[in-house]
Amino acid sequence: MNRFRLCNLALWLVLGLAVLGMVVSVAWADADKKPAKKKLTGQELYAINCNRCHTERYPTERTPAQWKTIVTHMRVRANLPADQAKAILKYLQEDAGK
């Protein structure tokens, strides 16, 4: 094999390996990404968390001030994170009775 063909073959081999390396690194990067979690609404959080121990109450059964007291109390009892309790409270107060 002459020198020109050998250099040409070596060049194509190096380029092929470089492209393969890029493809593999992109595939690994995509595999490391976690799918975005859907943020649950206050209504969904209310249904999930409050149904564990008792039946759901309609938001219209209480006033906004009563819901604030209840959610504050239940946040401790149900060990709810602050952001979830806030979303639940917002949902309940939006449709609360007067």
PDB file of N, CA and C in Angstrom:
ATOM      1  N   MET A   1       0.853  -1.169   0.000  1.00  0.00           N
ATOM      2  CA  MET A   1       0.000   0.000   0.000  1.00  0.00           C
ATOM      3  C   MET A   1       0.901   1.234   0.000  1.00  0.00           C
ATOM      4  N   ASN A   2       0.555   2.176  -0.834  1.00  0.00           N
ATOM      5  CA  ASN A   2       1.434   3.336  -0.859  1.00  0.00           C
ATOM      6  C   ASN A   2       1.115   4.280   0.300  1.00  0.00           C
ATOM      7  N   ARG A   3       1.982   5.218   0.496  1.00  0.00           N
ATOM      8  CA  ARG A   3       1.900   6.124   1.633  1.00  0.00           C
ATOM      9  C   ARG A   3       0.629   6.981   1.588  1.00  0.00           C
ATOM     10  N   PHE A   4       0.249   7.450   0.405  1.00  0.00           N
ATOM     11  CA  PHE A   4      -0.938   8.288   0.258  1.00  0.00           C
ATOM     12  C   PHE A   4      -2.200   7.543   0.720  1.00  0.00           C
ATOM     13  N   ARG A   5      -2.355   6.335   0.295  1.00  0.00           N
ATOM     14  CA  ARG A   5      -3.531   5.545   0.688  1.00  0.00           C
ATOM     15  C   ARG A   5      -3.528   5.263   2.191  1.00  0.00           C
ATOM     16  N   LEU A   6      -2.368   5.023   2.731  1.00  0.00           N
ATOM     17  CA  LEU A   6      -2.259   4.758   4.157  1.00  0.00           C
ATOM     18  C   LEU A   6      -2.641   5.996   4.966  1.00  0.00           C
ATOM     19  N   CYS A   7      -2.189   7.166   4.537  1.00  0.00           N
ATOM     20  CA  CYS A   7      -2.560   8.417   5.219  1.00  0.00           C
ATOM     21  C   CYS A   7      -4.049   8.690   5.081  1.00  0.00           C
ATOM     22  N   ASN A   8      -4.581   8.444   3.893  1.00  0.00           N
ATOM     23  CA  ASN A   8      -6.000   8.642   3.648  1.00  0.00           C
ATOM     24  C   ASN A   8      -6.839   7.714   4.531  1.00  0.00           C
ATOM     25  N   LEU A   9      -6.451   6.487   4.639  1.00  0.00           N
ATOM     26  CA  LEU A   9      -7.147   5.520   5.485  1.00  0.00           C
ATOM     27  C   LEU A   9      -7.078   5.933   6.955  1.00  0.00           C
ATOM     28  N   ALA A  10      -5.902   6.381   7.385  1.00  0.00           N
ATOM     29  CA  ALA A  10      -5.733   6.826   8.773  1.00  0.00           C
ATOM     30  C   ALA A  10      -6.602   8.043   9.055  1.00  0.00           C
ATOM     31  N   LEU A  11      -6.676   8.959   8.100  1.00  0.00           N
ATOM     32  CA  LEU A  11      -7.504  10.148   8.269  1.00  0.00           C
ATOM     33  C   LEU A  11      -8.974   9.770   8.408  1.00  0.00           C
ATOM     34  N   TRP A  12      -9.472   8.885   7.552  1.00  0.00           N
ATOM     35  CA  TRP A  12     -10.867   8.450   7.633  1.00  0.00           C
ATOM     36  C   TRP A  12     -11.149   7.698   8.938  1.00  0.00           C
ATOM     37  N   LEU A  13     -10.187   6.948   9.387  1.00  0.00           N
ATOM     38  CA  LEU A  13     -10.342   6.223  10.652  1.00  0.00           C
ATOM     39  C   LEU A  13     -10.459   7.206  11.816  1.00  0.00           C
ATOM     40  N   VAL A  14      -9.614   8.217  11.834  1.00  0.00           N
ATOM     41  CA  VAL A  14      -9.653   9.225  12.904  1.00  0.00           C
ATOM     42  C   VAL A  14     -10.973   9.995  12.859  1.00  0.00           C
ATOM     43  N   LEU A  15     -11.398  10.400  11.668  1.00  0.00           N
ATOM     44  CA  LEU A  15     -12.667  11.114  11.545  1.00  0.00           C
ATOM     45  C   LEU A  15     -13.849  10.237  11.987  1.00  0.00           C
ATOM     46  N   GLY A  16     -13.831   8.982  11.616  1.00  0.00           N
ATOM     47  CA  GLY A  16     -14.894   8.062  12.014  1.00  0.00           C
ATOM     48  C   GLY A  16     -14.960   7.895  13.522  1.00  0.00           C
ATOM     49  N   LEU A  17     -13.799   7.775  14.146  1.00  0.00           N
ATOM     50  CA  LEU A  17     -13.763   7.643  15.611  1.00  0.00           C
ATOM     51  C   LEU A  17     -14.242   8.927  16.291  1.00  0.00           C
ATOM     52  N   ALA A  18     -13.905  10.072  15.722  1.00  0.00           N
ATOM     53  CA  ALA A  18     -14.345  11.347  16.294  1.00  0.00           C
ATOM     54  C   ALA A  18     -15.868  11.467  16.230  1.00  0.00           C
ATOM     55  N   VAL A  19     -16.438  11.115  15.090  1.00  0.00           N
ATOM     56  CA  VAL A  19     -17.895  11.166  14.941  1.00  0.00           C
ATOM     57  C   VAL A  19     -18.560  10.176  15.899  1.00  0.00           C
ATOM     58  N   LEU A  20     -18.012   8.994  15.998  1.00  0.00           N
ATOM     59  CA  LEU A  20     -18.554   7.992  16.914  1.00  0.00           C
ATOM     60  C   LEU A  20     -18.502   8.498  18.355  1.00  0.00           C
ATOM     61  N   GLY A  21     -17.403   9.132  18.725  1.00  0.00           N
ATOM     62  CA  GLY A  21     -17.272   9.690  20.070  1.00  0.00           C
ATOM     63  C   GLY A  21     -18.317  10.750  20.358  1.00  0.00           C
ATOM     64  N   MET A  22     -18.603  11.591  19.358  1.00  0.00           N
ATOM     65  CA  MET A  22     -19.619  12.628  19.551  1.00  0.00           C
ATOM     66  C   MET A  22     -21.009  12.010  19.700  1.00  0.00           C
ATOM     67  N   VAL A  23     -21.294  11.010  18.897  1.00  0.00           N
ATOM     68  CA  VAL A  23     -22.601  10.350  18.967  1.00  0.00           C
ATOM     69  C   VAL A  23     -22.789   9.701  20.332  1.00  0.00           C
ATOM     70  N   VAL A  24     -21.766   9.029  20.817  1.00  0.00           N
ATOM     71  CA  VAL A  24     -21.856   8.358  22.122  1.00  0.00           C
ATOM     72  C   VAL A  24     -22.009   9.382  23.236  1.00  0.00           C
ATOM     73  N   SER A  25     -21.271  10.491  23.169  1.00  0.00           N
ATOM     74  CA  SER A  25     -21.370  11.489  24.241  1.00  0.00           C
ATOM     75  C   SER A  25     -22.744  12.150  24.251  1.00  0.00           C
ATOM     76  N   VAL A  26     -23.347  12.385  23.102  1.00  0.00           N
ATOM     77  CA  VAL A  26     -24.696  12.951  23.037  1.00  0.00           C
ATOM     78  C   VAL A  26     -25.705  11.951  23.598  1.00  0.00           C
ATOM     79  N   ALA A  27     -25.541  10.695  23.283  1.00  0.00           N
ATOM     80  CA  ALA A  27     -26.454   9.665  23.796  1.00  0.00           C
ATOM     81  C   ALA A  27     -26.363   9.565  25.313  1.00  0.00           C
ATOM     82  N   TRP A  28     -25.159   9.631  25.851  1.00  0.00           N
ATOM     83  CA  TRP A  28     -24.994   9.579  27.307  1.00  0.00           C
ATOM     84  C   TRP A  28     -25.574  10.816  27.958  1.00  0.00           C
ATOM     85  N   ALA A  29     -25.399  11.964  27.333  1.00  0.00           N
ATOM     86  CA  ALA A  29     -25.944  13.200  27.893  1.00  0.00           C
ATOM     87  C   ALA A  29     -27.466  13.134  27.940  1.00  0.00           C
ATOM     88  N   ASP A  30     -28.089  12.599  26.891  1.00  0.00           N
ATOM     89  CA  ASP A  30     -29.547  12.467  26.874  1.00  0.00           C
ATOM     90  C   ASP A  30     -30.028  11.456  27.912  1.00  0.00           C
ATOM     91  N   ALA A  31     -29.252  10.421  28.139  1.00  0.00           N
ATOM     92  CA  ALA A  31     -29.644   9.399  29.117  1.00  0.00           C
ATOM     93  C   ALA A  31     -29.595   9.949  30.534  1.00  0.00           C
ATOM     94  N   ASP A  32     -28.735  10.941  30.785  1.00  0.00           N
ATOM     95  CA  ASP A  32     -28.614  11.517  32.121  1.00  0.00           C
ATOM     96  C   ASP A  32     -29.746  12.483  32.455  1.00  0.00           C
ATOM     97  N   LYS A  33     -30.411  12.989  31.453  1.00  0.00           N
ATOM     98  CA  LYS A  33     -31.491  13.941  31.686  1.00  0.00           C
ATOM     99  C   LYS A  33     -32.703  13.221  32.250  1.00  0.00           C
ATOM    100  N   LYS A  34     -33.274  13.817  33.288  1.00  0.00           N
ATOM    101  CA  LYS A  34     -34.478  13.253  33.881  1.00  0.00           C
ATOM    102  C   LYS A  34     -35.679  13.926  33.238  1.00  0.00           C
ATOM    103  N   PRO A  35     -36.747  13.185  33.030  1.00  0.00           N
ATOM    104  CA  PRO A  35     -37.938  13.820  32.461  1.00  0.00           C
ATOM    105  C   PRO A  35     -38.504  14.843  33.441  1.00  0.00           C
ATOM    106  N   ALA A  36     -39.021  15.911  32.920  1.00  0.00           N
ATOM    107  CA  ALA A  36     -39.580  16.964  33.760  1.00  0.00           C
ATOM    108  C   ALA A  36     -40.811  16.425  34.485  1.00  0.00           C
ATOM    109  N   LYS A  37     -40.864  16.698  35.770  1.00  0.00           N
ATOM    110  CA  LYS A  37     -42.010  16.257  36.555  1.00  0.00           C
ATOM    111  C   LYS A  37     -43.153  17.240  36.371  1.00  0.00           C
ATOM    112  N   LYS A  38     -44.340  16.693  36.259  1.00  0.00           N
ATOM    113  CA  LYS A  38     -45.525  17.521  36.130  1.00  0.00           C
ATOM    114  C   LYS A  38     -45.836  18.110  37.496  1.00  0.00           C
ATOM    115  N   LYS A  39     -46.034  19.405  37.536  1.00  0.00           N
ATOM    116  CA  LYS A  39     -46.394  20.042  38.789  1.00  0.00           C
ATOM    117  C   LYS A  39     -47.884  19.850  39.016  1.00  0.00           C
ATOM    118  N   LEU A  40     -48.237  19.284  40.151  1.00  0.00           N
ATOM    119  CA  LEU A  40     -49.633  19.004  40.465  1.00  0.00           C
ATOM    120  C   LEU A  40     -50.348  20.272  40.908  1.00  0.00           C
ATOM    121  N   THR A  41     -51.617  20.365  40.564  1.00  0.00           N
ATOM    122  CA  THR A  41     -52.424  21.512  40.968  1.00  0.00           C
ATOM    123  C   THR A  41     -52.862  21.353  42.424  1.00  0.00           C
ATOM    124  N   GLY A  42     -53.368  22.436  42.987  1.00  0.00           N
ATOM    125  CA  GLY A  42     -53.873  22.391  44.361  1.00  0.00           C
ATOM    126  C   GLY A  42     -55.011  21.396  44.506  1.00  0.00           C
ATOM    127  N   GLN A  43     -55.859  21.325  43.490  1.00  0.00           N
ATOM    128  CA  GLN A  43     -56.974  20.375  43.532  1.00  0.00           C
ATOM    129  C   GLN A  43     -56.467  18.938  43.517  1.00  0.00           C
ATOM    130  N   GLU A  44     -55.464  18.660  42.687  1.00  0.00           N
ATOM    131  CA  GLU A  44     -54.902  17.305  42.625  1.00  0.00           C
ATOM    132  C   GLU A  44     -54.211  16.941  43.932  1.00  0.00           C
ATOM    133  N   LEU A  45     -53.459  17.882  44.483  1.00  0.00           N
ATOM    134  CA  LEU A  45     -52.782  17.637  45.762  1.00  0.00           C
ATOM    135  C   LEU A  45     -53.794  17.411  46.882  1.00  0.00           C
ATOM    136  N   TYR A  46     -54.869  18.179  46.865  1.00  0.00           N
ATOM    137  CA  TYR A  46     -55.928  18.014  47.866  1.00  0.00           C
ATOM    138  C   TYR A  46     -56.526  16.613  47.780  1.00  0.00           C
ATOM    139  N   ALA A  47     -56.843  16.181  46.567  1.00  0.00           N
ATOM    140  CA  ALA A  47     -57.438  14.854  46.374  1.00  0.00           C
ATOM    141  C   ALA A  47     -56.474  13.749  46.797  1.00  0.00           C
ATOM    142  N   ILE A  48     -55.209  13.889  46.487  1.00  0.00           N
ATOM    143  CA  ILE A  48     -54.220  12.858  46.815  1.00  0.00           C
ATOM    144  C   ILE A  48     -53.967  12.777  48.316  1.00  0.00           C
ATOM    145  N   ASN A  49     -53.709  13.912  48.935  1.00  0.00           N
ATOM    146  CA  ASN A  49     -53.280  13.927  50.337  1.00  0.00           C
ATOM    147  C   ASN A  49     -54.423  13.804  51.333  1.00  0.00           C
ATOM    148  N   CYS A  50     -55.512  14.499  51.094  1.00  0.00           N
ATOM    149  CA  CYS A  50     -56.576  14.551  52.097  1.00  0.00           C
ATOM    150  C   CYS A  50     -57.440  13.293  52.105  1.00  0.00           C
ATOM    151  N   ASN A  51     -57.489  12.610  50.973  1.00  0.00           N
ATOM    152  CA  ASN A  51     -58.263  11.372  50.884  1.00  0.00           C
ATOM    153  C   ASN A  51     -57.592  10.202  51.592  1.00  0.00           C
ATOM    154  N   ARG A  52     -56.354  10.355  51.969  1.00  0.00           N
ATOM    155  CA  ARG A  52     -55.656   9.247  52.632  1.00  0.00           C
ATOM    156  C   ARG A  52     -56.283   8.910  53.976  1.00  0.00           C
ATOM    157  N   CYS A  53     -56.783   9.930  54.678  1.00  0.00           N
ATOM    158  CA  CYS A  53     -57.286   9.690  56.036  1.00  0.00           C
ATOM    159  C   CYS A  53     -58.787   9.919  56.200  1.00  0.00           C
ATOM    160  N   HIS A  54     -59.352  10.751  55.368  1.00  0.00           N
ATOM    161  CA  HIS A  54     -60.784  11.044  55.505  1.00  0.00           C
ATOM    162  C   HIS A  54     -61.349  11.443  54.151  1.00  0.00           C
ATOM    163  N   THR A  55     -62.668  11.509  54.082  1.00  0.00           N
ATOM    164  CA  THR A  55     -63.300  11.900  52.821  1.00  0.00           C
ATOM    165  C   THR A  55     -63.046  13.377  52.548  1.00  0.00           C
ATOM    166  N   GLU A  56     -63.042  13.698  51.266  1.00  0.00           N
ATOM    167  CA  GLU A  56     -62.836  15.090  50.870  1.00  0.00           C
ATOM    168  C   GLU A  56     -64.025  15.937  51.279  1.00  0.00           C
ATOM    169  N   ARG A  57     -63.722  17.160  51.611  1.00  0.00           N
ATOM    170  CA  ARG A  57     -64.763  18.148  51.882  1.00  0.00           C
ATOM    171  C   ARG A  57     -64.835  19.091  50.692  1.00  0.00           C
ATOM    172  N   TYR A  58     -66.006  19.584  50.411  1.00  0.00           N
ATOM    173  CA  TYR A  58     -66.150  20.556  49.336  1.00  0.00           C
ATOM    174  C   TYR A  58     -65.571  21.891  49.794  1.00  0.00           C
ATOM    175  N   PRO A  59     -64.896  22.597  48.923  1.00  0.00           N
ATOM    176  CA  PRO A  59     -64.347  23.908  49.308  1.00  0.00           C
ATOM    177  C   PRO A  59     -65.409  24.881  49.812  1.00  0.00           C
ATOM    178  N   THR A  60     -66.639  24.740  49.325  1.00  0.00           N
ATOM    179  CA  THR A  60     -67.709  25.660  49.726  1.00  0.00           C
ATOM    180  C   THR A  60     -68.208  25.419  51.152  1.00  0.00           C
ATOM    181  N   GLU A  61     -67.756  24.344  51.793  1.00  0.00           N
ATOM    182  CA  GLU A  61     -68.216  24.026  53.151  1.00  0.00           C
ATOM    183  C   GLU A  61     -67.603  24.925  54.217  1.00  0.00           C
ATOM    184  N   ARG A  62     -66.533  25.629  53.890  1.00  0.00           N
ATOM    185  CA  ARG A  62     -65.827  26.460  54.867  1.00  0.00           C
ATOM    186  C   ARG A  62     -65.520  27.831  54.269  1.00  0.00           C
ATOM    187  N   THR A  63     -65.243  28.781  55.145  1.00  0.00           N
ATOM    188  CA  THR A  63     -64.836  30.118  54.703  1.00  0.00           C
ATOM    189  C   THR A  63     -63.327  30.101  54.447  1.00  0.00           C
ATOM    190  N   PRO A  64     -62.810  31.115  53.744  1.00  0.00           N
ATOM    191  CA  PRO A  64     -61.362  31.171  53.524  1.00  0.00           C
ATOM    192  C   PRO A  64     -60.552  31.150  54.823  1.00  0.00           C
ATOM    193  N   ALA A  65     -61.038  31.841  55.856  1.00  0.00           N
ATOM    194  CA  ALA A  65     -60.325  31.860  57.140  1.00  0.00           C
ATOM    195  C   ALA A  65     -60.325  30.478  57.800  1.00  0.00           C
ATOM    196  N   GLN A  66     -61.437  29.775  57.696  1.00  0.00           N
ATOM    197  CA  GLN A  66     -61.510  28.426  58.269  1.00  0.00           C
ATOM    198  C   GLN A  66     -60.564  27.479  57.527  1.00  0.00           C
ATOM    199  N   TRP A  67     -60.518  27.598  56.192  1.00  0.00           N
ATOM    200  CA  TRP A  67     -59.607  26.737  55.427  1.00  0.00           C
ATOM    201  C   TRP A  67     -58.162  27.017  55.807  1.00  0.00           C
ATOM    202  N   LYS A  68     -57.827  28.257  56.062  1.00  0.00           N
ATOM    203  CA  LYS A  68     -56.448  28.588  56.448  1.00  0.00           C
ATOM    204  C   LYS A  68     -56.082  27.878  57.747  1.00  0.00           C
ATOM    205  N   THR A  69     -56.970  27.907  58.712  1.00  0.00           N
ATOM    206  CA  THR A  69     -56.729  27.230  59.991  1.00  0.00           C
ATOM    207  C   THR A  69     -56.604  25.722  59.795  1.00  0.00           C
ATOM    208  N   ILE A  70     -57.508  25.166  59.020  1.00  0.00           N
ATOM    209  CA  ILE A  70     -57.516  23.715  58.800  1.00  0.00           C
ATOM    210  C   ILE A  70     -56.252  23.267  58.065  1.00  0.00           C
ATOM    211  N   VAL A  71     -55.885  23.978  57.009  1.00  0.00           N
ATOM    212  CA  VAL A  71     -54.700  23.590  56.229  1.00  0.00           C
ATOM    213  C   VAL A  71     -53.437  23.740  57.068  1.00  0.00           C
ATOM    214  N   THR A  72     -53.367  24.796  57.883  1.00  0.00           N
ATOM    215  CA  THR A  72     -52.205  24.965  58.770  1.00  0.00           C
ATOM    216  C   THR A  72     -52.078  23.769  59.716  1.00  0.00           C
ATOM    217  N   HIS A  73     -53.190  23.358  60.285  1.00  0.00           N
ATOM    218  CA  HIS A  73     -53.199  22.212  61.196  1.00  0.00           C
ATOM    219  C   HIS A  73     -52.852  20.912  60.449  1.00  0.00           C
ATOM    220  N   MET A  74     -53.491  20.704  59.305  1.00  0.00           N
ATOM    221  CA  MET A  74     -53.285  19.456  58.574  1.00  0.00           C
ATOM    222  C   MET A  74     -51.907  19.377  57.920  1.00  0.00           C
ATOM    223  N   ARG A  75     -51.297  20.515  57.658  1.00  0.00           N
ATOM    224  CA  ARG A  75     -49.938  20.484  57.098  1.00  0.00           C
ATOM    225  C   ARG A  75     -48.995  19.758  58.061  1.00  0.00           C
ATOM    226  N   VAL A  76     -49.158  20.025  59.349  1.00  0.00           N
ATOM    227  CA  VAL A  76     -48.327  19.365  60.366  1.00  0.00           C
ATOM    228  C   VAL A  76     -48.723  17.891  60.495  1.00  0.00           C
ATOM    229  N   ARG A  77     -50.006  17.618  60.571  1.00  0.00           N
ATOM    230  CA  ARG A  77     -50.474  16.242  60.749  1.00  0.00           C
ATOM    231  C   ARG A  77     -50.131  15.339  59.568  1.00  0.00           C
ATOM    232  N   ALA A  78     -50.257  15.886  58.342  1.00  0.00           N
ATOM    233  CA  ALA A  78     -50.029  15.087  57.137  1.00  0.00           C
ATOM    234  C   ALA A  78     -48.598  15.223  56.615  1.00  0.00           C
ATOM    235  N   ASN A  79     -47.795  16.017  57.307  1.00  0.00           N
ATOM    236  CA  ASN A  79     -46.393  16.222  56.922  1.00  0.00           C
ATOM    237  C   ASN A  79     -46.283  16.708  55.465  1.00  0.00           C
ATOM    238  N   LEU A  80     -47.052  17.743  55.145  1.00  0.00           N
ATOM    239  CA  LEU A  80     -47.048  18.299  53.793  1.00  0.00           C
ATOM    240  C   LEU A  80     -45.944  19.339  53.639  1.00  0.00           C
ATOM    241  N   PRO A  81     -45.270  19.351  52.519  1.00  0.00           N
ATOM    242  CA  PRO A  81     -44.309  20.432  52.247  1.00  0.00           C
ATOM    243  C   PRO A  81     -45.054  21.764  52.123  1.00  0.00           C
ATOM    244  N   ALA A  82     -44.370  22.842  52.408  1.00  0.00           N
ATOM    245  CA  ALA A  82     -44.990  24.169  52.412  1.00  0.00           C
ATOM    246  C   ALA A  82     -45.603  24.531  51.067  1.00  0.00           C
ATOM    247  N   ASP A  83     -44.913  24.219  49.972  1.00  0.00           N
ATOM    248  CA  ASP A  83     -45.436  24.590  48.658  1.00  0.00           C
ATOM    249  C   ASP A  83     -46.726  23.825  48.323  1.00  0.00           C
ATOM    250  N   GLN A  84     -46.811  22.583  48.765  1.00  0.00           N
ATOM    251  CA  GLN A  84     -48.030  21.817  48.526  1.00  0.00           C
ATOM    252  C   GLN A  84     -49.186  22.344  49.377  1.00  0.00           C
ATOM    253  N   ALA A  85     -48.902  22.646  50.633  1.00  0.00           N
ATOM    254  CA  ALA A  85     -49.944  23.183  51.507  1.00  0.00           C
ATOM    255  C   ALA A  85     -50.449  24.517  50.972  1.00  0.00           C
ATOM    256  N   LYS A  86     -49.550  25.330  50.446  1.00  0.00           N
ATOM    257  CA  LYS A  86     -49.931  26.621  49.889  1.00  0.00           C
ATOM    258  C   LYS A  86     -50.836  26.443  48.667  1.00  0.00           C
ATOM    259  N   ALA A  87     -50.499  25.488  47.810  1.00  0.00           N
ATOM    260  CA  ALA A  87     -51.321  25.219  46.614  1.00  0.00           C
ATOM    261  C   ALA A  87     -52.695  24.693  47.006  1.00  0.00           C
ATOM    262  N   ILE A  88     -52.744  23.814  47.995  1.00  0.00           N
ATOM    263  CA  ILE A  88     -54.030  23.284  48.471  1.00  0.00           C
ATOM    264  C   ILE A  88     -54.878  24.409  49.057  1.00  0.00           C
ATOM    265  N   LEU A  89     -54.260  25.246  49.885  1.00  0.00           N
ATOM    266  CA  LEU A  89     -54.983  26.351  50.503  1.00  0.00           C
ATOM    267  C   LEU A  89     -55.535  27.305  49.438  1.00  0.00           C
ATOM    268  N   LYS A  90     -54.728  27.614  48.446  1.00  0.00           N
ATOM    269  CA  LYS A  90     -55.179  28.502  47.365  1.00  0.00           C
ATOM    270  C   LYS A  90     -56.405  27.906  46.675  1.00  0.00           C
ATOM    271  N   TYR A  91     -56.337  26.611  46.360  1.00  0.00           N
ATOM    272  CA  TYR A  91     -57.483  25.942  45.723  1.00  0.00           C
ATOM    273  C   TYR A  91     -58.724  26.026  46.599  1.00  0.00           C
ATOM    274  N   LEU A  92     -58.590  25.729  47.879  1.00  0.00           N
ATOM    275  CA  LEU A  92     -59.745  25.716  48.767  1.00  0.00           C
ATOM    276  C   LEU A  92     -60.321  27.118  48.967  1.00  0.00           C
ATOM    277  N   GLN A  93     -59.458  28.114  49.079  1.00  0.00           N
ATOM    278  CA  GLN A  93     -59.938  29.474  49.304  1.00  0.00           C
ATOM    279  C   GLN A  93     -60.576  30.089  48.064  1.00  0.00           C
ATOM    280  N   GLU A  94     -60.127  29.684  46.893  1.00  0.00           N
ATOM    281  CA  GLU A  94     -60.704  30.225  45.654  1.00  0.00           C
ATOM    282  C   GLU A  94     -62.181  29.857  45.519  1.00  0.00           C
ATOM    283  N   ASP A  95     -62.536  28.655  45.969  1.00  0.00           N
ATOM    284  CA  ASP A  95     -63.918  28.174  45.835  1.00  0.00           C
ATOM    285  C   ASP A  95     -64.652  28.129  47.184  1.00  0.00           C
ATOM    286  N   ALA A  96     -64.093  28.809  48.170  1.00  0.00           N
ATOM    287  CA  ALA A  96     -64.656  28.731  49.521  1.00  0.00           C
ATOM    288  C   ALA A  96     -66.009  29.409  49.620  1.00  0.00           C
ATOM    289  N   GLY A  97     -66.764  28.941  50.619  1.00  0.00           N
ATOM    290  CA  GLY A  97     -68.045  29.580  50.912  1.00  0.00           C
ATOM    291  C   GLY A  97     -67.818  30.915  51.590  1.00  0.00           C
ATOM    292  N   LYS A  98     -68.839  31.698  51.670  1.00  0.00           N
ATOM    293  CA  LYS A  98     -68.701  33.049  52.268  1.00  0.00           C
ATOM    294  C   LYS A  98     -69.236  33.096  53.657  1.00  0.00           C
TER     295      LYS A  98
END
